[in-house]
Every structure is written in structure tokens, then in C-alpha cells.
Amino acid sequence: MIISRFDELKEFQTSEGTTKPLFVSEELKVIHLKIPAGLKVRPHSHPNPGNLLLLKGSVRLNAEKTVLLQAGDMAHIPADYTVGLESEAEAEALLISSPSGYRSINKLYRKLEEFST
């Protein structure tokens, strides 16, 4: 069993907001995101599928069509699917990916340190 204590985990300031990895293994990655007001993330893709569960606020996902997500909504984003994100007000979300693309939380920490602002 692995226990993650939210208040004891490292967070990173990136161009896409505050990122706090909660759990990482080869099978699963769970990240808490604080999305700042006015954020505009250009459309891009990732090699692994992911699920974005919006906890607070609302965001727009820009892909083949624009979709508004509100608190409680979840979007499944397939591998290699191109999507952007915009937020007018602060929001919070969980990003859940399987497989994770990382062997451990420390490997993800090193990658996030490269993107920290």
C-alpha cells in the first residue's frame, strides 16, 4: 500500500499552473492541477491517454469542437489526441493517466523541475 499525504507533496509552478503529483507508478499517474484565471494552453497531444476531472470552476477544451467543462465533469482524452485548454477564472482538476509514462514520482519531479517557472 502507498499513502500520499496531500500537504506533504511537492508542487511545481509551470506555465500551465500549479502542478502537484499525488501518485505515480508505471500503471497510474494522478496529478492535482490549480489552473489560473486567463490560462490559455495551445492545442497539443500526449503519448498516453488521460482523464481530466474538474473539481472547481470551469474550463474550455479546444479540439475538433470546443467543450465547456464544469465542476464534476470529466473528459477522457485519448493518446495522441490534440486538445487545448482555456480558463477565464481559477479552476482545479485532477489529471489521471494510465499508463503513467513514468516509473516513479521522482522521475516525474525531475521532468517538472525542467518546466518550472
Protein backbone atom coordinates (compact mmCIF):
# COMPACT_ATOMS: atom_id res chain seq x y z
CA MET A 1 0.00 0.00 0.00
CA ILE A 2 1.20 3.51 -0.83
CA ILE A 3 -0.08 6.53 1.09
CA SER A 4 0.19 10.04 -0.35
CA ARG A 5 -0.36 12.96 2.01
CA PHE A 6 -1.54 15.98 0.04
CA ASP A 7 0.09 18.59 2.32
CA GLU A 8 3.48 16.82 2.21
CA LEU A 9 3.85 16.55 -1.58
CA LYS A 10 5.92 18.88 -3.76
CA GLU A 11 4.18 21.27 -6.12
CA PHE A 12 5.59 22.96 -9.19
CA GLN A 13 4.77 26.30 -10.77
CA THR A 14 4.60 25.81 -14.52
CA SER A 15 3.27 27.81 -17.44
CA GLU A 16 0.11 25.70 -17.13
CA GLY A 17 -0.50 26.50 -13.43
CA THR A 18 0.41 24.74 -10.20
CA THR A 19 1.04 21.02 -10.62
CA LYS A 20 1.18 18.65 -7.64
CA PRO A 21 1.78 14.95 -8.39
CA LEU A 22 -0.24 12.91 -5.90
CA PHE A 23 0.69 9.40 -7.02
CA VAL A 24 2.94 7.96 -9.73
CA SER A 25 3.67 4.38 -10.72
CA GLU A 26 4.17 2.76 -14.11
CA GLU A 27 0.46 1.93 -14.18
CA LEU A 28 -1.08 5.16 -12.87
CA LYS A 29 -0.39 8.88 -12.51
CA VAL A 30 -2.64 11.25 -10.52
CA ILE A 31 -1.86 14.97 -10.55
CA HIS A 32 -3.68 17.86 -8.86
CA LEU A 33 -3.82 20.98 -11.04
CA LYS A 34 -4.55 24.54 -9.95
CA ILE A 35 -5.48 26.32 -13.17
CA PRO A 36 -5.07 30.12 -13.04
CA ALA A 37 -7.57 32.60 -14.45
CA GLY A 38 -6.74 33.60 -18.02
CA LEU A 39 -4.72 30.47 -18.82
CA LYS A 40 -4.56 29.54 -22.50
CA VAL A 41 -2.80 26.27 -23.33
CA ARG A 42 -2.21 25.80 -27.04
CA PRO A 43 -3.53 22.59 -28.57
CA HIS A 44 -1.06 19.74 -28.08
CA SER A 45 -1.09 15.97 -27.52
CA HIS A 46 0.44 13.43 -25.16
CA PRO A 47 1.53 9.85 -25.94
CA ASN A 48 -0.65 8.35 -23.17
CA PRO A 49 -4.40 8.70 -22.59
CA GLY A 50 -5.59 10.88 -19.73
CA ASN A 51 -8.71 11.83 -17.83
CA LEU A 52 -9.35 15.38 -16.64
CA LEU A 53 -11.76 15.56 -13.69
CA LEU A 54 -12.73 19.15 -12.97
CA LEU A 55 -13.08 19.75 -9.22
CA LYS A 56 -13.76 23.51 -9.15
CA GLY A 57 -14.58 26.19 -11.69
CA SER A 58 -14.91 25.69 -15.43
CA VAL A 59 -12.55 25.34 -18.39
CA ARG A 60 -12.90 25.13 -22.15
CA LEU A 61 -11.31 22.26 -24.03
CA ASN A 62 -10.49 23.23 -27.61
CA ALA A 63 -10.23 20.31 -30.01
CA GLU A 64 -12.36 19.32 -33.01
CA LYS A 65 -15.02 21.37 -31.26
CA THR A 66 -14.98 23.49 -28.10
CA VAL A 67 -16.46 21.91 -24.97
CA LEU A 68 -17.14 23.64 -21.65
CA LEU A 69 -16.29 21.51 -18.60
CA GLN A 70 -17.74 22.47 -15.23
CA ALA A 71 -17.03 21.18 -11.71
CA GLY A 72 -17.91 17.49 -11.58
CA ASP A 73 -17.34 16.90 -15.31
CA MET A 74 -14.69 14.50 -16.57
CA ALA A 75 -13.14 14.33 -20.03
CA HIS A 76 -11.29 11.31 -21.38
CA ILE A 77 -8.52 12.40 -23.75
CA PRO A 78 -7.19 9.55 -25.92
CA ALA A 79 -3.47 9.12 -26.58
CA ASP A 80 -2.14 11.44 -29.30
CA TYR A 81 -5.39 13.47 -29.34
CA THR A 82 -4.77 17.20 -29.89
CA VAL A 83 -6.53 19.47 -27.39
CA GLY A 84 -6.02 22.92 -25.84
CA LEU A 85 -7.41 24.40 -22.63
CA GLU A 86 -8.64 27.85 -21.61
CA SER A 87 -9.88 29.17 -18.28
CA GLU A 88 -11.47 32.54 -17.54
CA ALA A 89 -11.46 32.04 -13.75
CA GLU A 90 -9.41 29.91 -11.39
CA ALA A 91 -10.16 26.19 -11.54
CA GLU A 92 -8.88 22.94 -10.03
CA ALA A 93 -8.70 19.49 -11.56
CA LEU A 94 -7.29 16.00 -11.22
CA LEU A 95 -5.38 14.59 -14.18
CA ILE A 96 -5.47 10.79 -14.13
CA SER A 97 -3.35 8.86 -16.65
CA SER A 98 -2.89 5.15 -17.24
CA PRO A 99 -0.27 4.10 -18.12
CA SER A 100 1.57 6.98 -16.50
CA GLY A 101 4.65 7.21 -18.68
CA TYR A 102 6.85 7.41 -15.53
CA ARG A 103 8.35 4.75 -13.27
CA SER A 104 8.27 6.85 -10.09
CA ILE A 105 7.22 10.17 -8.63
CA ASN A 106 10.90 11.24 -8.50
CA LYS A 107 11.25 10.81 -12.29
CA LEU A 108 8.18 13.00 -12.79
CA TYR A 109 9.57 15.53 -10.28
CA ARG A 110 12.76 15.82 -12.37
CA LYS A 111 10.71 16.42 -15.54
CA LEU A 112 8.53 19.04 -13.83
CA GLU A 113 11.62 20.84 -12.50
CA GLU A 114 12.61 21.42 -16.15
CA PHE A 115 9.27 23.17 -16.78
CA SER A 116 9.04 25.11 -13.51
CA THR A 117 8.78 28.88 -13.83
